Amino acid sequence: MAEVLALIKSLGILECERIVVACSGGPDSMYLLHMLKSLGHNVVCAHVNHKYRSESDDEYIFVKEYCKSLDIIFEGIELDGYQAGNFELYARNFRYSFFEKIIKKYHARYLFTAHHGDDLIETVLMRITRGSSLKGYSGFSSITKRDEYIIVRPLVYLTKDDILEYNKDNKIPYVNDYTNDLDDYTRNRFRHKVLPFLKEEDPLAHLRFLKFSNDLKEANHYIERIVNDFLDKNYINDILSLENFKSLDEYLQKQVINQIFVRLYPDNLYLVNGNHIEEVLKITYSNRPNITLNFPDNISFVKEYDKIIIKKEREHLTSYDYEFNHSVMTPLGKIEEIDEIDDNSNYVIRLNSKDLKLPLRVRTRKDNDKIQVKNMTGHKKVNDIFIDSKIPKSMRDKYPLVCDSNDIIIWIPGLKKSNFDIPNSNVYDIILKYEKGEKIDE
């Protein structure tokens, strides 16, 4: 608790200054709301009713009434109406858009969220399991600076048990989200099966992970400084000089390429991955003097002897064929691999890798493309499906098709699934979700 108070004190919040607290009504956010109020801060509670569970309306009223009892300003909003297969992304964007409106309304500098030490452990473990970058492996920060405000997560020093004990001692009411008890989600499985073991080994495991997280952030900051200094001198007008690049350590070479991708895809970095970095390294050391690599969003890396020229021609994209690796962005929307979702629409498909020739690919249509539509005999032409679905002609040539490496079409996202789709009750190990929309930005 001392570390939590010290972090809050270090912010130098003025006595009359309003701070916004994101509060769901659960034990963590109710703890945070109560603590900040008891410290004498001028608190504004921001609550989003996702209307995703039958209890959501009651929880909205619960938080509102609690704020009224403590003379806390309450700002609530209801999320209603969203596209199938797009709930998580839409809800997150909706929440933060709402929080930012409240921050502006009250001229606040700080948004407090209730992420705690156990959340940090779960995040770090999930990213290690899935694979990430040095920065990604560090999880989230206790303080994150945005353009117009700062996100503060002071509870990173506490465990869930610490919070529940405080709530019990101080008679703080809260609601429970039953979905947190289900093992359908990866985070919940880490929470229920891995965290108890870690805490048994060391009750202060959350503080060890916090130190690990901070160490990675410091190392990443140091490396970023070296990389940016190199790019300032050797990456000018979208041209990378290879002479000095080749003198770098291989790890730094990868970080340089990654940073170039960060600059090229400021809003859509998920379009590229480690495989793309490896491809750039291969052409760098190839004996061929002239090579072109085509990347998502119609960006090309063109090697010409001792330099690589990056060309951007996004508006001219007419066809593509991408290898799928966790996610890919197409001109009409994003396709990504997810852990679990309660959605059986054509925006989601469940697959068993044993039935497929991996890796999967995402491409545009070819002449005479056909798909064996789920629950139908025989095959149907993709073009006929486009016509039946009233897909405009201007969109048909760039509409994404998901195939396996044998070029068998297994899914037309948002339109039709093939017989490769696995029912919820059967065994599957791949779940893909399609988020429809022109140039989706996160």
Protein backbone atom coordinates (compact mmCIF):
# COMPACT_ATOMS: atom_id res chain seq x y z
CA MET A 1 0.00 0.00 0.00
CA ALA A 2 2.88 2.36 0.74
CA GLU A 3 4.13 2.06 -2.86
CA VAL A 4 0.63 2.82 -4.19
CA LEU A 5 0.37 5.97 -2.10
CA ALA A 6 3.90 7.05 -3.03
CA LEU A 7 3.11 6.72 -6.75
CA ILE A 8 -0.05 8.78 -6.42
CA LYS A 9 1.74 11.42 -4.33
CA SER A 10 4.53 11.68 -6.92
CA LEU A 11 2.02 12.88 -9.53
CA GLY A 12 1.55 16.15 -7.68
CA ILE A 13 -2.23 16.21 -8.14
CA LEU A 14 -3.67 19.55 -7.05
CA GLU A 15 -6.29 19.55 -4.28
CA CYS A 16 -8.99 21.03 -6.52
CA GLU A 17 -7.98 19.03 -9.59
CA ARG A 18 -10.43 16.46 -10.92
CA ILE A 19 -9.19 12.98 -11.81
CA VAL A 20 -11.12 10.41 -13.85
CA VAL A 21 -11.42 6.83 -12.60
CA ALA A 22 -12.50 4.03 -14.94
CA CYS A 23 -14.85 1.92 -12.80
CA SER A 24 -16.66 -1.24 -13.87
CA GLY A 25 -18.10 -1.98 -10.43
CA GLY A 26 -15.79 -4.97 -9.87
CA PRO A 27 -13.63 -5.35 -6.75
CA ASP A 28 -10.51 -3.78 -8.29
CA SER A 29 -12.06 -0.59 -9.64
CA MET A 30 -14.30 -0.15 -6.58
CA TYR A 31 -11.17 -0.39 -4.40
CA LEU A 32 -9.48 2.27 -6.53
CA LEU A 33 -12.52 4.54 -6.50
CA HIS A 34 -12.91 4.28 -2.71
CA MET A 35 -9.20 4.77 -2.02
CA LEU A 36 -8.84 7.90 -4.16
CA LYS A 37 -11.98 9.39 -2.63
CA SER A 38 -10.77 8.63 0.90
CA LEU A 39 -7.46 10.37 0.09
CA GLY A 40 -9.44 13.52 -0.56
CA HIS A 41 -9.12 13.64 -4.34
CA ASN A 42 -11.78 15.22 -6.53
CA VAL A 43 -12.94 12.08 -8.30
CA VAL A 44 -15.03 11.60 -11.43
CA CYS A 45 -16.27 8.05 -11.97
CA ALA A 46 -16.49 6.92 -15.63
CA HIS A 47 -18.56 3.77 -16.14
CA VAL A 48 -19.39 1.95 -19.39
CA ASN A 49 -22.37 -0.38 -19.55
CA HIS A 50 -21.36 -2.82 -22.29
CA LYS A 51 -24.82 -4.44 -22.23
CA TYR A 52 -23.06 -7.71 -23.01
CA ARG A 53 -24.42 -9.61 -20.00
CA SER A 54 -27.89 -9.63 -18.44
CA GLU A 55 -26.40 -8.14 -15.25
CA SER A 56 -24.92 -5.10 -17.01
CA ASP A 57 -27.89 -2.79 -16.40
CA ASP A 58 -27.95 -3.63 -12.69
CA GLU A 59 -24.21 -2.98 -12.42
CA TYR A 60 -24.65 0.43 -14.05
CA ILE A 61 -27.25 1.36 -11.42
CA PHE A 62 -25.08 -0.08 -8.63
CA VAL A 63 -22.05 2.09 -9.53
CA LYS A 64 -24.23 5.16 -10.02
CA GLU A 65 -25.90 4.75 -6.61
CA TYR A 66 -22.58 4.11 -4.88
CA CYS A 67 -21.14 7.33 -6.32
CA LYS A 68 -24.23 9.21 -5.18
CA SER A 69 -23.75 7.91 -1.62
CA LEU A 70 -20.16 9.20 -1.51
CA ASP A 71 -20.84 12.44 -3.40
CA ILE A 72 -18.71 11.30 -6.36
CA ILE A 73 -19.44 12.69 -9.82
CA PHE A 74 -20.79 9.86 -11.97
CA GLU A 75 -20.51 9.76 -15.76
CA GLY A 76 -22.03 6.71 -17.43
CA ILE A 77 -22.74 5.58 -20.95
CA GLU A 78 -24.33 2.54 -22.56
CA LEU A 79 -22.80 0.66 -25.46
CA ASP A 80 -25.52 -0.48 -27.79
CA GLY A 81 -25.30 -1.82 -31.31
CA TYR A 82 -22.13 -3.33 -32.73
CA GLN A 83 -21.19 -5.53 -35.66
CA ALA A 84 -21.02 -9.28 -35.16
CA GLY A 85 -17.50 -10.53 -34.68
CA ASN A 86 -16.20 -7.10 -33.78
CA PHE A 87 -17.20 -6.70 -30.11
CA GLU A 88 -13.83 -6.65 -28.31
CA LEU A 89 -12.20 -4.07 -30.54
CA TYR A 90 -15.34 -1.95 -30.79
CA ALA A 91 -15.88 -2.03 -27.00
CA ARG A 92 -12.28 -1.04 -26.24
CA ASN A 93 -12.35 1.85 -28.70
CA PHE A 94 -15.75 2.90 -27.37
CA ARG A 95 -14.48 2.89 -23.76
CA TYR A 96 -11.41 4.98 -24.41
CA SER A 97 -13.30 7.38 -26.64
CA PHE A 98 -15.75 7.88 -23.76
CA PHE A 99 -12.95 8.27 -21.20
CA GLU A 100 -11.28 10.91 -23.37
CA LYS A 101 -14.53 12.86 -23.65
CA ILE A 102 -14.89 12.86 -19.86
CA ILE A 103 -11.24 13.90 -19.44
CA LYS A 104 -11.83 16.86 -21.76
CA LYS A 105 -15.14 17.74 -20.13
CA TYR A 106 -13.54 18.09 -16.69
CA HIS A 107 -10.17 19.38 -17.92
CA ALA A 108 -8.49 16.40 -16.24
CA ARG A 109 -4.87 15.33 -16.67
CA TYR A 110 -5.14 11.79 -15.30
CA LEU A 111 -7.14 8.65 -16.06
CA PHE A 112 -6.83 6.02 -13.31
CA THR A 113 -7.41 2.34 -14.11
CA ALA A 114 -7.45 -0.60 -11.70
CA HIS A 115 -4.90 -2.94 -13.30
CA HIS A 116 -3.05 -4.69 -10.47
CA GLY A 117 -0.01 -6.90 -9.95
CA ASP A 118 -1.77 -10.14 -10.85
CA ASP A 119 -2.95 -8.56 -14.11
CA LEU A 120 0.67 -7.71 -14.92
CA ILE A 121 1.80 -11.30 -14.32
CA GLU A 122 -0.95 -12.61 -16.59
CA THR A 123 -0.12 -10.12 -19.34
CA VAL A 124 3.60 -10.90 -19.28
CA LEU A 125 3.00 -14.67 -19.32
CA MET A 126 0.50 -14.44 -22.17
CA ARG A 127 2.90 -12.41 -24.30
CA ILE A 128 5.79 -14.77 -23.57
CA THR A 129 3.58 -17.68 -24.60
CA ARG A 130 2.36 -16.01 -27.80
CA GLY A 131 5.59 -14.25 -28.69
CA SER A 132 6.17 -10.53 -28.69
CA SER A 133 8.85 -7.84 -28.70
CA LEU A 134 11.10 -6.73 -25.84
CA LYS A 135 8.65 -3.92 -25.13
CA GLY A 136 5.68 -6.26 -25.39
CA TYR A 137 7.16 -8.79 -22.98
CA SER A 138 7.30 -6.06 -20.32
CA GLY A 139 3.50 -5.90 -20.14
CA PHE A 140 1.89 -2.59 -19.24
CA SER A 141 3.36 0.39 -17.38
CA SER A 142 2.20 1.96 -14.14
CA ILE A 143 2.22 5.30 -15.96
CA THR A 144 1.49 5.74 -19.67
CA LYS A 145 1.62 9.15 -21.31
CA ARG A 146 -0.95 9.92 -23.98
CA ASP A 147 -1.08 13.08 -26.08
CA GLU A 148 -3.50 14.96 -23.83
CA TYR A 149 -3.59 12.94 -20.59
CA ILE A 150 -1.77 10.31 -18.53
CA ILE A 151 -3.03 6.81 -17.67
CA VAL A 152 -2.13 5.82 -14.10
CA ARG A 153 -2.23 2.21 -12.84
CA PRO A 154 -1.21 2.53 -9.17
CA LEU A 155 -2.39 -0.94 -8.12
CA VAL A 156 0.48 -2.76 -9.85
CA TYR A 157 2.06 -3.13 -6.40
CA LEU A 158 -0.92 -5.10 -5.09
CA THR A 159 -2.36 -8.56 -5.64
CA LYS A 160 -6.00 -9.47 -6.07
CA ASP A 161 -5.98 -10.87 -2.52
CA ASP A 162 -4.68 -7.54 -1.19
CA ILE A 163 -7.58 -5.78 -2.88
CA LEU A 164 -10.23 -8.23 -1.66
CA GLU A 165 -8.91 -7.98 1.90
CA TYR A 166 -9.04 -4.15 1.78
CA ASN A 167 -12.60 -4.29 0.45
CA LYS A 168 -13.63 -6.64 3.23
CA ASP A 169 -12.03 -4.54 5.97
CA ASN A 170 -13.54 -1.33 4.63
CA LYS A 171 -16.92 -2.86 3.73
CA ILE A 172 -16.61 -1.77 0.10
CA PRO A 173 -19.35 -3.34 -2.04
CA TYR A 174 -18.66 -4.62 -5.55
CA VAL A 175 -20.10 -6.85 -8.26
CA ASN A 176 -18.64 -10.04 -9.70
CA ASP A 177 -18.41 -10.77 -13.42
CA TYR A 178 -19.04 -14.52 -13.73
CA THR A 179 -17.07 -14.68 -17.01
CA ASN A 180 -13.90 -14.16 -14.95
CA ASP A 181 -14.47 -17.62 -13.47
CA LEU A 182 -14.65 -19.38 -16.83
CA ASP A 183 -11.61 -21.14 -18.28
CA ASP A 184 -12.76 -20.37 -21.84
CA TYR A 185 -10.33 -17.47 -22.00
CA THR A 186 -6.52 -17.68 -22.00
CA ARG A 187 -6.12 -15.00 -19.33
CA ASN A 188 -8.48 -16.86 -17.01
CA ARG A 189 -6.54 -20.11 -17.43
CA PHE A 190 -3.32 -18.37 -16.44
CA ARG A 191 -5.16 -16.77 -13.51
CA HIS A 192 -6.62 -20.01 -12.20
CA LYS A 193 -3.84 -22.49 -12.93
CA VAL A 194 -0.48 -20.68 -13.14
CA LEU A 195 -0.75 -17.81 -10.66
CA PRO A 196 -1.55 -20.01 -7.63
CA PHE A 197 1.62 -22.01 -8.30
CA LEU A 198 3.76 -18.87 -8.63
CA LYS A 199 2.35 -17.38 -5.44
CA GLU A 200 2.93 -20.61 -3.58
CA GLU A 201 6.57 -20.47 -4.63
CA ASP A 202 6.84 -16.78 -3.70
CA PRO A 203 4.01 -14.69 -2.22
CA LEU A 204 5.76 -11.61 -3.64
CA ALA A 205 5.87 -12.98 -7.19
CA HIS A 206 3.94 -9.95 -8.45
CA LEU A 207 6.77 -7.66 -7.29
CA ARG A 208 9.35 -9.89 -9.00
CA PHE A 209 7.37 -9.59 -12.23
CA LEU A 210 7.12 -5.84 -11.74
CA LYS A 211 10.91 -5.61 -11.48
CA PHE A 212 11.25 -7.84 -14.54
CA SER A 213 8.84 -5.57 -16.40
CA ASN A 214 10.71 -2.40 -15.40
CA ASP A 215 14.09 -3.92 -16.33
CA LEU A 216 12.79 -4.78 -19.80
CA LYS A 217 11.39 -1.29 -20.24
CA GLU A 218 14.76 0.27 -19.35
CA ALA A 219 16.60 -2.07 -21.73
CA ASN A 220 14.09 -1.36 -24.48
CA HIS A 221 14.42 2.39 -23.95
CA TYR A 222 18.21 2.13 -24.28
CA ILE A 223 17.97 0.06 -27.46
CA GLU A 224 15.37 2.39 -28.98
CA ARG A 225 17.72 5.32 -28.42
CA ILE A 226 20.53 3.53 -30.30
CA VAL A 227 18.19 2.48 -33.11
CA ASN A 228 16.70 5.95 -33.60
CA ASP A 229 20.14 7.53 -33.62
CA PHE A 230 21.21 5.07 -36.33
CA LEU A 231 18.10 5.77 -38.42
CA ASP A 232 18.60 9.54 -38.16
CA LYS A 233 21.95 9.10 -39.90
CA ASN A 234 21.30 6.16 -42.23
CA TYR A 235 17.60 6.20 -43.14
CA ILE A 236 16.87 9.37 -45.07
CA ASN A 237 13.99 10.03 -47.48
CA ASP A 238 12.82 6.38 -47.23
CA ILE A 239 16.25 5.07 -48.24
CA LEU A 240 18.22 2.76 -45.93
CA SER A 241 21.98 2.71 -46.46
CA LEU A 242 23.17 -0.90 -46.22
CA GLU A 243 26.90 -0.29 -45.69
CA ASN A 244 26.55 0.82 -42.07
CA PHE A 245 23.51 -1.36 -41.53
CA LYS A 246 25.54 -4.52 -42.16
CA SER A 247 28.05 -3.50 -39.50
CA LEU A 248 25.38 -3.66 -36.79
CA ASP A 249 24.84 -6.64 -34.52
CA GLU A 250 22.08 -8.90 -35.89
CA TYR A 251 19.77 -8.06 -33.00
CA LEU A 252 20.13 -4.32 -33.67
CA GLN A 253 19.56 -4.94 -37.38
CA LYS A 254 16.22 -6.53 -36.54
CA GLN A 255 15.32 -3.62 -34.27
CA VAL A 256 16.20 -1.13 -37.01
CA ILE A 257 13.93 -2.90 -39.49
CA ASN A 258 11.20 -3.16 -36.87
CA GLN A 259 11.41 0.59 -36.20
CA ILE A 260 11.11 1.28 -39.92
CA PHE A 261 7.93 -0.80 -39.90
CA VAL A 262 6.70 1.17 -36.87
CA ARG A 263 7.10 4.36 -38.90
CA LEU A 264 5.50 2.87 -42.01
CA TYR A 265 2.52 1.40 -40.14
CA PRO A 266 1.86 3.85 -37.28
CA ASP A 267 -1.75 2.69 -36.86
CA ASN A 268 -1.59 -0.81 -38.36
CA LEU A 269 1.62 -2.36 -37.02
CA TYR A 270 -0.18 -5.72 -36.68
CA LEU A 271 0.08 -6.00 -40.47
CA VAL A 272 3.72 -7.06 -40.17
CA ASN A 273 5.57 -9.56 -37.99
CA GLY A 274 8.91 -11.24 -37.42
CA ASN A 275 8.71 -13.10 -40.72
CA HIS A 276 8.70 -9.80 -42.60
CA ILE A 277 11.81 -8.68 -40.72
CA GLU A 278 13.56 -11.92 -41.68
CA GLU A 279 12.65 -11.37 -45.33
CA VAL A 280 14.29 -7.94 -45.29
CA LEU A 281 17.43 -9.41 -43.72
CA LYS A 282 17.58 -12.08 -46.44
CA ILE A 283 17.57 -9.60 -49.30
CA THR A 284 20.13 -7.46 -47.47
CA TYR A 285 22.70 -10.28 -47.64
CA SER A 286 21.57 -11.77 -50.94
CA ASN A 287 24.09 -11.77 -53.79
CA ARG A 288 21.37 -10.49 -56.08
CA PRO A 289 21.81 -6.72 -56.52
CA ASN A 290 18.17 -5.97 -57.31
CA ILE A 291 15.26 -7.50 -55.35
CA THR A 292 11.75 -6.28 -54.52
CA LEU A 293 9.69 -7.32 -51.49
CA ASN A 294 5.98 -6.52 -51.40
CA PHE A 295 4.41 -5.97 -47.99
CA PRO A 296 0.85 -5.33 -46.74
CA ASP A 297 -0.85 -2.07 -47.61
CA ASN A 298 1.08 -2.05 -50.90
CA ILE A 299 4.42 -0.98 -49.43
CA SER A 300 7.55 -2.29 -51.17
CA PHE A 301 11.17 -2.71 -50.08
CA VAL A 302 13.36 -2.43 -53.17
CA LYS A 303 17.00 -3.43 -52.85
CA GLU A 304 19.29 -1.65 -55.29
CA TYR A 305 22.92 -2.63 -54.72
CA ASP A 306 23.98 -0.86 -51.48
CA LYS A 307 20.63 0.57 -50.43
CA ILE A 308 17.01 -0.36 -49.80
CA ILE A 309 14.36 2.02 -51.09
CA ILE A 310 10.93 1.97 -49.45
CA LYS A 311 8.10 2.72 -51.85
CA LYS A 312 4.54 3.52 -50.78
CA GLU A 313 1.73 3.03 -53.28
CA ARG A 314 -1.17 2.16 -51.00
CA GLU A 315 -3.90 3.56 -53.20
CA HIS A 316 -3.04 1.26 -56.13
CA LEU A 317 -3.53 -2.08 -54.39
CA THR A 318 -5.55 -4.43 -56.66
CA SER A 319 -4.51 -7.94 -55.58
CA TYR A 320 -2.54 -9.61 -52.80
CA ASP A 321 -1.48 -12.98 -51.41
CA TYR A 322 -0.29 -12.89 -47.78
CA GLU A 323 0.98 -15.65 -45.56
CA PHE A 324 -1.19 -15.58 -42.44
CA ASN A 325 0.63 -15.26 -39.12
CA HIS A 326 -1.69 -14.31 -36.24
CA SER A 327 -3.18 -11.34 -38.11
CA VAL A 328 -3.28 -9.67 -41.49
CA MET A 329 -4.83 -6.43 -42.71
CA THR A 330 -6.60 -6.38 -46.05
CA PRO A 331 -8.10 -3.36 -47.85
CA LEU A 332 -11.53 -4.42 -46.58
CA GLY A 333 -10.77 -5.40 -43.01
CA LYS A 334 -8.58 -7.23 -40.52
CA ILE A 335 -8.35 -11.01 -40.06
CA GLU A 336 -6.78 -12.16 -36.79
CA GLU A 337 -6.35 -15.26 -34.69
CA ILE A 338 -8.06 -15.01 -31.30
CA ASP A 339 -8.37 -17.13 -28.15
CA GLU A 340 -12.13 -17.46 -27.80
CA ILE A 341 -15.33 -15.65 -28.67
CA ASP A 342 -19.05 -16.31 -28.30
CA ASP A 343 -19.91 -15.80 -31.94
CA ASN A 344 -21.04 -18.28 -34.59
CA SER A 345 -21.60 -15.80 -37.40
CA ASN A 346 -19.71 -15.76 -40.69
CA TYR A 347 -17.31 -13.27 -39.10
CA VAL A 348 -15.73 -16.10 -37.07
CA ILE A 349 -14.44 -19.52 -38.11
CA ARG A 350 -13.09 -22.35 -35.95
CA LEU A 351 -10.59 -24.76 -37.52
CA ASN A 352 -8.62 -27.87 -36.68
CA SER A 353 -5.05 -27.58 -37.94
CA LYS A 354 -4.99 -31.34 -38.58
CA ASP A 355 -7.51 -30.83 -41.39
CA LEU A 356 -5.44 -28.17 -43.15
CA LYS A 357 -2.15 -27.66 -44.94
CA LEU A 358 -0.47 -24.84 -43.01
CA PRO A 359 0.42 -22.03 -43.15
CA LEU A 360 -2.86 -20.37 -44.05
CA ARG A 361 -2.91 -17.69 -46.72
CA VAL A 362 -5.11 -14.69 -47.35
CA ARG A 363 -5.49 -13.75 -51.00
CA THR A 364 -7.76 -12.16 -53.57
CA ARG A 365 -9.91 -14.18 -55.96
CA LYS A 366 -8.73 -16.05 -59.03
CA ASP A 367 -10.66 -17.12 -62.09
CA ASN A 368 -13.04 -20.04 -61.39
CA ASP A 369 -12.43 -19.96 -57.58
CA LYS A 370 -14.85 -22.31 -55.78
CA ILE A 371 -15.65 -23.14 -52.16
CA GLN A 372 -17.45 -26.08 -50.60
CA VAL A 373 -19.95 -24.10 -48.52
CA LYS A 374 -20.73 -25.48 -45.07
CA ASN A 375 -23.83 -27.74 -44.97
CA MET A 376 -24.06 -27.81 -48.77
CA THR A 377 -23.16 -30.52 -51.24
CA GLY A 378 -20.79 -29.74 -54.07
CA HIS A 379 -18.92 -26.49 -54.63
CA LYS A 380 -20.09 -22.97 -55.37
CA LYS A 381 -18.29 -20.32 -57.37
CA VAL A 382 -16.89 -17.49 -55.29
CA ASN A 383 -18.09 -14.97 -57.87
CA ASP A 384 -21.66 -16.26 -57.53
CA ILE A 385 -21.44 -15.81 -53.75
CA PHE A 386 -20.30 -12.23 -54.28
CA ILE A 387 -23.27 -11.62 -56.58
CA ASP A 388 -25.76 -13.28 -54.19
CA SER A 389 -24.32 -11.23 -51.29
CA LYS A 390 -24.54 -8.03 -53.38
CA ILE A 391 -20.84 -7.28 -53.04
CA PRO A 392 -20.10 -4.28 -55.33
CA LYS A 393 -17.94 -5.02 -58.35
CA SER A 394 -15.39 -2.50 -57.09
CA MET A 395 -14.83 -4.64 -53.97
CA ARG A 396 -14.76 -8.13 -55.45
CA ASP A 397 -11.18 -8.00 -56.75
CA LYS A 398 -9.81 -7.05 -53.32
CA TYR A 399 -12.15 -9.12 -51.11
CA PRO A 400 -10.14 -11.45 -48.81
CA LEU A 401 -10.30 -15.23 -49.19
CA VAL A 402 -8.70 -17.50 -46.57
CA CYS A 403 -7.02 -20.59 -48.03
CA ASP A 404 -4.68 -23.29 -46.81
CA SER A 405 -1.31 -23.92 -48.47
CA ASN A 406 -2.97 -26.27 -50.96
CA ASP A 407 -4.98 -23.23 -52.11
CA ILE A 408 -8.24 -24.72 -50.87
CA ILE A 409 -10.63 -21.90 -49.94
CA ILE A 410 -11.82 -22.44 -46.37
CA TRP A 411 -13.53 -19.13 -45.62
CA ILE A 412 -14.92 -16.04 -47.29
CA PRO A 413 -14.89 -13.76 -44.22
CA GLY A 414 -18.24 -12.26 -43.38
CA LEU A 415 -19.99 -14.20 -46.17
CA LYS A 416 -19.52 -17.98 -46.17
CA LYS A 417 -17.70 -20.70 -44.24
CA SER A 418 -16.60 -24.01 -45.70
CA ASN A 419 -17.03 -27.50 -44.31
CA PHE A 420 -13.71 -26.99 -42.55
CA ASP A 421 -15.55 -24.91 -39.93
CA ILE A 422 -15.71 -26.79 -36.61
CA PRO A 423 -18.76 -26.58 -34.28
CA ASN A 424 -18.20 -25.11 -30.80
CA SER A 425 -18.68 -28.50 -29.17
CA ASN A 426 -15.97 -30.23 -31.23
CA VAL A 427 -12.17 -30.06 -31.15
CA TYR A 428 -10.50 -27.05 -32.78
CA ASP A 429 -7.24 -25.18 -32.18
CA ILE A 430 -7.56 -22.16 -34.48
CA ILE A 431 -10.14 -19.37 -34.23
CA LEU A 432 -10.11 -16.60 -36.82
CA LYS A 433 -12.12 -13.39 -36.61
CA TYR A 434 -12.85 -10.86 -39.34
CA GLU A 435 -13.30 -7.17 -38.54
CA LYS A 436 -14.98 -5.58 -41.52
CA GLY A 437 -14.18 -2.04 -42.50
CA GLU A 438 -12.14 -0.01 -44.94
CA LYS A 439 -8.64 0.50 -43.50
CA ILE A 440 -9.55 -0.40 -39.94
CA ASP A 441 -7.47 1.53 -37.39
CA GLU A 442 -7.00 0.40 -33.79
